[in-house]
Amino acid sequence: MAQKIDDFDVQLRLLECWLPLVEEIRRQQGWQESIQDLERLIMRAAAALQRARSGEEAYQIICAYHQQLERKTPWHDDREESSAARG
């Protein structure tokens, strides 16, 4: 059974694993998003990143998810929707 991403320890491991790569991609691509936005990007892309078979594939996944989130600007709209959904 897959672990829930709601689990704090799972989230922490995902961030420890993927944040260095996402930060490097941000630097290379000139993205202006905050660390919090990058962390949210990782959480959104987590299932796809688990299936990545190479660094290049992970790079492509991260860029694709970034593009999707960029279309939903400003990024904080997602957080507001999530907060409203939680009540």
N, C-alpha and C. Protein backbone atom coordinates (compact mmCIF):
# COMPACT_ATOMS: atom_id res chain seq x y z
N MET A 1 0.84 -1.18 0.00
CA MET A 1 0.00 0.00 0.00
C MET A 1 0.88 1.25 0.00
N ALA A 2 0.55 2.21 -0.83
CA ALA A 2 1.32 3.45 -0.93
C ALA A 2 1.10 4.30 0.32
N GLN A 3 2.15 5.00 0.72
CA GLN A 3 2.03 5.89 1.87
C GLN A 3 1.28 7.14 1.46
N LYS A 4 0.49 7.68 2.38
CA LYS A 4 -0.21 8.93 2.11
C LYS A 4 0.79 10.07 2.17
N ILE A 5 0.61 11.02 1.27
CA ILE A 5 1.48 12.19 1.26
C ILE A 5 1.12 13.13 2.40
N ASP A 6 -0.02 12.90 3.06
CA ASP A 6 -0.41 13.70 4.22
C ASP A 6 0.53 13.47 5.40
N ASP A 7 1.20 12.35 5.43
CA ASP A 7 2.11 11.98 6.50
C ASP A 7 3.30 12.94 6.50
N PHE A 8 3.53 13.61 7.64
CA PHE A 8 4.59 14.60 7.73
C PHE A 8 5.96 14.02 7.39
N ASP A 9 6.25 12.81 7.88
CA ASP A 9 7.56 12.19 7.61
C ASP A 9 7.75 11.92 6.12
N VAL A 10 6.68 11.51 5.46
CA VAL A 10 6.76 11.26 4.01
C VAL A 10 7.01 12.57 3.28
N GLN A 11 6.31 13.63 3.68
CA GLN A 11 6.52 14.94 3.05
C GLN A 11 7.96 15.40 3.25
N LEU A 12 8.47 15.22 4.45
CA LEU A 12 9.84 15.64 4.74
C LEU A 12 10.84 14.89 3.87
N ARG A 13 10.66 13.59 3.73
CA ARG A 13 11.57 12.79 2.88
C ARG A 13 11.49 13.24 1.42
N LEU A 14 10.27 13.51 0.95
CA LEU A 14 10.12 13.98 -0.44
C LEU A 14 10.87 15.30 -0.64
N LEU A 15 10.72 16.21 0.31
CA LEU A 15 11.40 17.50 0.18
C LEU A 15 12.91 17.34 0.26
N GLU A 16 13.38 16.51 1.17
CA GLU A 16 14.82 16.28 1.28
C GLU A 16 15.40 15.70 0.00
N CYS A 17 14.63 14.85 -0.62
CA CYS A 17 15.09 14.18 -1.84
C CYS A 17 15.06 15.12 -3.05
N TRP A 18 13.96 15.83 -3.23
CA TRP A 18 13.74 16.55 -4.48
C TRP A 18 14.06 18.04 -4.45
N LEU A 19 14.07 18.67 -3.28
CA LEU A 19 14.29 20.12 -3.23
C LEU A 19 15.63 20.55 -3.84
N PRO A 20 16.73 19.84 -3.60
CA PRO A 20 17.98 20.27 -4.24
C PRO A 20 17.88 20.31 -5.78
N LEU A 21 17.25 19.31 -6.37
CA LEU A 21 17.09 19.30 -7.83
C LEU A 21 16.19 20.43 -8.28
N VAL A 22 15.07 20.63 -7.58
CA VAL A 22 14.14 21.70 -7.97
C VAL A 22 14.80 23.07 -7.81
N GLU A 23 15.58 23.26 -6.77
CA GLU A 23 16.30 24.53 -6.61
C GLU A 23 17.30 24.75 -7.74
N GLU A 24 17.98 23.70 -8.16
CA GLU A 24 18.93 23.82 -9.27
C GLU A 24 18.20 24.16 -10.57
N ILE A 25 17.07 23.51 -10.80
CA ILE A 25 16.27 23.81 -12.00
C ILE A 25 15.80 25.26 -11.94
N ARG A 26 15.35 25.70 -10.76
CA ARG A 26 14.92 27.10 -10.60
C ARG A 26 16.05 28.05 -10.98
N ARG A 27 17.25 27.75 -10.51
CA ARG A 27 18.40 28.60 -10.82
C ARG A 27 18.67 28.62 -12.32
N GLN A 28 18.69 27.43 -12.94
CA GLN A 28 18.96 27.32 -14.38
C GLN A 28 17.90 28.01 -15.22
N GLN A 29 16.64 27.86 -14.82
CA GLN A 29 15.53 28.39 -15.62
C GLN A 29 15.16 29.84 -15.27
N GLY A 30 15.72 30.33 -14.18
CA GLY A 30 15.42 31.70 -13.77
C GLY A 30 14.03 31.87 -13.15
N TRP A 31 13.52 30.80 -12.57
CA TRP A 31 12.21 30.88 -11.92
C TRP A 31 12.32 31.79 -10.71
N GLN A 32 11.24 32.49 -10.39
CA GLN A 32 11.24 33.42 -9.26
C GLN A 32 10.43 32.93 -8.06
N GLU A 33 9.92 31.70 -8.12
CA GLU A 33 9.07 31.20 -7.05
C GLU A 33 9.85 31.05 -5.73
N SER A 34 9.11 31.19 -4.64
CA SER A 34 9.70 31.06 -3.31
C SER A 34 9.95 29.58 -3.00
N ILE A 35 10.68 29.35 -1.93
CA ILE A 35 10.94 27.98 -1.48
C ILE A 35 9.60 27.29 -1.17
N GLN A 36 8.67 28.00 -0.55
CA GLN A 36 7.37 27.41 -0.24
C GLN A 36 6.64 26.97 -1.51
N ASP A 37 6.73 27.78 -2.55
CA ASP A 37 6.12 27.41 -3.83
C ASP A 37 6.80 26.18 -4.42
N LEU A 38 8.13 26.11 -4.29
CA LEU A 38 8.85 24.94 -4.80
C LEU A 38 8.48 23.69 -4.01
N GLU A 39 8.29 23.85 -2.71
CA GLU A 39 7.87 22.71 -1.90
C GLU A 39 6.49 22.23 -2.35
N ARG A 40 5.59 23.16 -2.64
CA ARG A 40 4.26 22.78 -3.11
C ARG A 40 4.34 22.10 -4.47
N LEU A 41 5.25 22.57 -5.31
CA LEU A 41 5.47 21.93 -6.61
C LEU A 41 5.89 20.47 -6.42
N ILE A 42 6.79 20.23 -5.49
CA ILE A 42 7.25 18.87 -5.22
C ILE A 42 6.09 18.00 -4.74
N MET A 43 5.27 18.52 -3.84
CA MET A 43 4.13 17.73 -3.33
C MET A 43 3.15 17.40 -4.46
N ARG A 44 2.93 18.37 -5.34
CA ARG A 44 2.03 18.12 -6.47
C ARG A 44 2.60 17.06 -7.42
N ALA A 45 3.90 17.08 -7.62
CA ALA A 45 4.55 16.19 -8.59
C ALA A 45 5.01 14.87 -7.97
N ALA A 46 4.78 14.67 -6.68
CA ALA A 46 5.35 13.54 -5.95
C ALA A 46 5.06 12.19 -6.59
N ALA A 47 3.83 11.93 -6.96
CA ALA A 47 3.48 10.62 -7.54
C ALA A 47 4.24 10.39 -8.85
N ALA A 48 4.31 11.42 -9.68
CA ALA A 48 5.02 11.29 -10.95
C ALA A 48 6.53 11.14 -10.72
N LEU A 49 7.07 11.87 -9.75
CA LEU A 49 8.50 11.78 -9.47
C LEU A 49 8.88 10.40 -8.95
N GLN A 50 7.99 9.75 -8.24
CA GLN A 50 8.28 8.40 -7.75
C GLN A 50 8.45 7.42 -8.90
N ARG A 51 7.84 7.71 -10.04
CA ARG A 51 7.94 6.83 -11.21
C ARG A 51 9.09 7.21 -12.15
N ALA A 52 9.77 8.32 -11.85
CA ALA A 52 10.87 8.76 -12.72
C ALA A 52 11.98 7.72 -12.73
N ARG A 53 12.45 7.38 -13.93
CA ARG A 53 13.50 6.36 -14.06
C ARG A 53 14.89 6.95 -14.26
N SER A 54 14.95 8.28 -14.37
CA SER A 54 16.25 8.91 -14.57
C SER A 54 16.16 10.36 -14.08
N GLY A 55 17.32 10.97 -13.95
CA GLY A 55 17.37 12.37 -13.58
C GLY A 55 16.73 13.25 -14.64
N GLU A 56 16.94 12.90 -15.89
CA GLU A 56 16.35 13.67 -16.99
C GLU A 56 14.83 13.58 -16.96
N GLU A 57 14.31 12.40 -16.67
CA GLU A 57 12.86 12.26 -16.59
C GLU A 57 12.31 13.07 -15.41
N ALA A 58 12.99 13.06 -14.28
CA ALA A 58 12.58 13.87 -13.13
C ALA A 58 12.61 15.36 -13.49
N TYR A 59 13.63 15.77 -14.20
CA TYR A 59 13.75 17.17 -14.66
C TYR A 59 12.54 17.55 -15.51
N GLN A 60 12.18 16.70 -16.44
CA GLN A 60 11.04 16.97 -17.31
C GLN A 60 9.73 17.02 -16.53
N ILE A 61 9.57 16.14 -15.56
CA ILE A 61 8.37 16.12 -14.73
C ILE A 61 8.25 17.42 -13.96
N ILE A 62 9.35 17.84 -13.34
CA ILE A 62 9.34 19.08 -12.55
C ILE A 62 8.99 20.27 -13.43
N CYS A 63 9.58 20.34 -14.61
CA CYS A 63 9.29 21.45 -15.52
C CYS A 63 7.84 21.43 -15.98
N ALA A 64 7.30 20.26 -16.24
CA ALA A 64 5.90 20.14 -16.67
C ALA A 64 4.95 20.59 -15.56
N TYR A 65 5.22 20.17 -14.33
CA TYR A 65 4.37 20.59 -13.21
C TYR A 65 4.52 22.08 -12.96
N HIS A 66 5.71 22.61 -13.12
CA HIS A 66 5.92 24.05 -12.95
C HIS A 66 5.08 24.82 -13.97
N GLN A 67 5.08 24.35 -15.20
CA GLN A 67 4.27 25.00 -16.24
C GLN A 67 2.80 24.99 -15.88
N GLN A 68 2.31 23.85 -15.39
CA GLN A 68 0.90 23.75 -14.99
C GLN A 68 0.57 24.75 -13.89
N LEU A 69 1.43 24.83 -12.88
CA LEU A 69 1.19 25.74 -11.77
C LEU A 69 1.33 27.20 -12.21
N GLU A 70 2.24 27.45 -13.14
CA GLU A 70 2.45 28.81 -13.63
C GLU A 70 1.18 29.33 -14.32
N ARG A 71 0.46 28.45 -14.98
CA ARG A 71 -0.79 28.84 -15.65
C ARG A 71 -1.87 29.23 -14.65
N LYS A 72 -1.74 28.78 -13.41
CA LYS A 72 -2.72 29.08 -12.37
C LYS A 72 -2.24 30.25 -11.51
N THR A 73 -1.60 31.23 -12.10
CA THR A 73 -1.06 32.34 -11.32
C THR A 73 -2.19 33.20 -10.78
N PRO A 74 -2.01 33.88 -9.69
CA PRO A 74 -0.86 33.74 -8.81
C PRO A 74 -0.89 32.42 -8.05
N TRP A 75 0.29 31.93 -7.71
CA TRP A 75 0.43 30.62 -7.08
C TRP A 75 -0.36 30.54 -5.78
N HIS A 76 -0.52 31.64 -5.09
CA HIS A 76 -1.21 31.60 -3.80
C HIS A 76 -2.69 31.25 -3.95
N ASP A 77 -3.27 31.33 -5.12
CA ASP A 77 -4.67 30.95 -5.30
C ASP A 77 -4.92 29.51 -4.88
N ASP A 78 -3.98 28.61 -5.17
CA ASP A 78 -4.11 27.21 -4.76
C ASP A 78 -4.21 27.09 -3.25
N ARG A 79 -3.39 27.82 -2.55
CA ARG A 79 -3.39 27.75 -1.09
C ARG A 79 -4.73 28.24 -0.54
N GLU A 80 -5.26 29.32 -1.14
CA GLU A 80 -6.53 29.85 -0.68
C GLU A 80 -7.65 28.84 -0.94
N GLU A 81 -7.63 28.18 -2.11
CA GLU A 81 -8.63 27.18 -2.41
C GLU A 81 -8.55 26.01 -1.43
N SER A 82 -7.33 25.59 -1.10
CA SER A 82 -7.14 24.48 -0.16
C SER A 82 -7.64 24.85 1.22
N SER A 83 -7.36 26.06 1.65
CA SER A 83 -7.81 26.52 2.96
C SER A 83 -9.34 26.58 3.02
N ALA A 84 -9.94 27.06 1.96
CA ALA A 84 -11.40 27.15 1.91
C ALA A 84 -12.02 25.77 1.92
N ALA A 85 -11.40 24.83 1.25
CA ALA A 85 -11.92 23.46 1.19
C ALA A 85 -11.85 22.80 2.56
N ARG A 86 -10.82 23.12 3.34
CA ARG A 86 -10.67 22.53 4.66
C ARG A 86 -11.63 23.14 5.66
N GLY A 87 -12.16 24.32 5.33
CA GLY A 87 -13.19 24.92 6.15
C GLY A 87 -12.70 25.82 7.19
